[in-house]
């Protein structure tokens, strides 16, 4: 199939497919005599693996490492377990940051009494970090 068809069946933008080729996650495809890229089931499956990994939040480098393991099925999968476990820890840390952020926003909103923007506690808090109850400037 051509790149447009691969794009449709995997719900991946054409430019993203080309990017994955440029950085070596997808191999350079065969070309037709008209210089069109041609993809088969193996490339479709590899792209699906990449997309699913990225949808789960794995970094490009993690995906590269996981693909390397997938390309060598005789190797021990301990590295895959370590990558996934490290990612779970990162996700948990982000969730904790988001919970703290939500709580701070709820606290700021709870201080709002309505009225004019000149007296708005939300605007005050956004303009003066010292009015915040927790440090959140490095949350993201």
Protein backbone atom coordinates (compact mmCIF):
# COMPACT_ATOMS: atom_id res chain seq x y z
CA UNK A 1 0.00 0.00 0.00
CA UNK A 2 1.05 3.61 -0.52
CA UNK A 3 1.66 6.06 2.30
CA UNK A 4 -1.83 7.57 2.04
CA UNK A 5 -3.45 4.18 2.53
CA UNK A 6 -1.13 3.38 5.44
CA UNK A 7 -2.03 6.74 6.93
CA UNK A 8 -5.73 5.95 6.74
CA UNK A 9 -5.59 2.40 8.10
CA UNK A 10 -3.38 3.40 11.04
CA UNK A 11 -4.92 6.84 11.64
CA UNK A 12 -1.45 8.38 11.39
CA UNK A 13 -0.64 11.57 9.55
CA UNK A 14 1.54 11.14 6.46
CA UNK A 15 4.10 13.58 7.87
CA UNK A 16 4.30 11.53 11.08
CA UNK A 17 5.02 8.39 9.06
CA UNK A 18 7.77 10.23 7.20
CA UNK A 19 9.14 11.51 10.52
CA UNK A 20 9.28 7.99 11.95
CA UNK A 21 11.20 6.96 8.84
CA UNK A 22 13.64 9.87 9.18
CA UNK A 23 14.44 9.03 12.80
CA UNK A 24 14.74 5.31 12.10
CA UNK A 25 11.68 3.93 13.90
CA UNK A 26 10.27 2.78 10.58
CA UNK A 27 12.59 1.39 7.92
CA UNK A 28 12.89 3.19 4.62
CA UNK A 29 10.19 1.64 2.44
CA UNK A 30 10.58 0.16 -0.98
CA UNK A 31 9.75 2.53 -3.82
CA UNK A 32 7.78 2.06 -6.98
CA UNK A 33 9.22 3.03 -10.35
CA UNK A 34 7.27 6.28 -9.88
CA UNK A 35 9.09 6.79 -6.54
CA UNK A 36 6.00 6.15 -4.39
CA UNK A 37 6.61 4.55 -1.01
CA UNK A 38 5.25 1.01 -0.66
CA UNK A 39 4.33 -0.54 2.68
CA UNK A 40 3.35 -4.05 3.60
CA UNK A 41 1.85 -5.81 6.61
CA UNK A 42 5.15 -5.70 8.55
CA UNK A 43 5.38 -1.92 8.28
CA UNK A 44 1.71 -1.55 9.17
CA UNK A 45 2.22 -3.70 12.26
CA UNK A 46 5.37 -1.81 13.26
CA UNK A 47 3.59 1.52 12.85
CA UNK A 48 0.68 0.22 14.95
CA UNK A 49 3.19 -0.74 17.66
CA UNK A 50 4.74 2.73 17.54
CA UNK A 51 1.36 4.47 17.62
CA UNK A 52 0.09 2.39 20.53
CA UNK A 53 3.31 2.99 22.46
CA UNK A 54 3.12 6.73 21.83
CA UNK A 55 -0.60 6.79 22.74
CA UNK A 56 0.41 5.25 26.08
CA UNK A 57 2.90 8.09 26.54
CA UNK A 58 6.19 6.31 25.92
CA UNK A 59 8.99 8.56 24.70
CA UNK A 60 10.55 8.14 21.28
CA UNK A 61 13.66 6.69 22.93
CA UNK A 62 11.55 4.22 24.92
CA UNK A 63 9.76 3.21 21.72
CA UNK A 64 13.12 2.77 20.01
CA UNK A 65 14.30 0.49 22.83
CA UNK A 66 11.05 -1.48 22.83
CA UNK A 67 11.23 -1.91 19.05
CA UNK A 68 14.81 -3.13 19.39
CA UNK A 69 13.61 -5.77 21.84
CA UNK A 70 10.72 -6.66 19.55
CA UNK A 71 13.18 -7.06 16.67
CA UNK A 72 15.18 -9.55 18.79
CA UNK A 73 12.58 -11.93 20.24
CA UNK A 74 15.29 -14.21 21.63
CA UNK A 75 16.40 -11.55 24.11
CA UNK A 76 15.25 -11.34 27.72
CA UNK A 77 12.31 -8.98 28.21
CA UNK A 78 13.64 -7.52 31.48
CA UNK A 79 14.48 -4.26 29.71
CA UNK A 80 10.88 -3.95 28.50
CA UNK A 81 9.66 -4.48 32.05
CA UNK A 82 12.06 -1.81 33.29
CA UNK A 83 10.96 0.68 30.61
CA UNK A 84 7.28 0.08 31.37
CA UNK A 85 7.84 0.24 35.14
CA UNK A 86 9.76 3.51 34.83
CA UNK A 87 6.95 4.89 32.69
CA UNK A 88 4.34 3.89 35.29
CA UNK A 89 6.34 5.81 37.91
CA UNK A 90 6.44 8.87 35.63
CA UNK A 91 2.69 8.62 35.02
CA UNK A 92 2.06 8.35 38.76
CA UNK A 93 4.18 11.45 39.38
CA UNK A 94 2.26 13.38 36.72
CA UNK A 95 -1.05 12.29 38.24
CA UNK A 96 0.11 13.53 41.65
CA UNK A 97 1.10 16.86 40.08
CA UNK A 98 -2.27 17.13 38.36
CA UNK A 99 -4.13 16.36 41.59
CA UNK A 100 -2.16 19.10 43.35
CA UNK A 101 -2.88 21.47 40.48
CA UNK A 102 -6.60 20.67 40.57
CA UNK A 103 -6.72 21.20 44.33
CA UNK A 104 -4.96 24.56 44.01
CA UNK A 105 -7.33 25.69 41.26
CA UNK A 106 -10.32 24.61 43.34
CA UNK A 107 -8.91 26.55 46.32
CA UNK A 108 -8.45 29.66 44.18
CA UNK A 109 -11.96 29.34 42.75
CA UNK A 110 -13.38 28.78 46.23
CA UNK A 111 -11.96 32.14 47.34
CA UNK A 112 -13.81 33.95 44.55
CA UNK A 113 -16.71 36.01 45.84
CA UNK A 114 -18.03 37.16 42.49
CA UNK A 115 -18.41 40.81 41.67
CA UNK A 116 -16.14 42.99 39.57
CA UNK A 117 -12.99 41.79 37.87
CA UNK A 118 -11.06 44.42 39.84
CA UNK A 119 -11.87 42.47 43.03
CA UNK A 120 -11.59 38.96 41.55
CA UNK A 121 -9.63 36.50 43.73
CA UNK A 122 -8.92 34.27 40.74
CA UNK A 123 -7.27 37.12 38.86
CA UNK A 124 -5.41 38.16 42.02
CA UNK A 125 -4.04 34.65 42.53
CA UNK A 126 -3.01 34.32 38.89
CA UNK A 127 -1.20 37.64 39.09
CA UNK A 128 0.53 36.96 42.41
CA UNK A 129 2.05 33.52 42.89
CA UNK A 130 2.53 34.27 46.60
CA UNK A 131 -1.25 33.91 47.03
CA UNK A 132 -1.07 30.24 46.02
CA UNK A 133 -1.28 27.61 48.70
CA UNK A 134 1.33 25.28 47.15
CA UNK A 135 4.31 25.49 44.84
CA UNK A 136 3.25 24.33 41.41
CA UNK A 137 5.48 26.31 39.05
CA UNK A 138 7.45 23.21 38.07
CA UNK A 139 4.48 20.90 37.70
CA UNK A 140 4.91 20.76 33.93
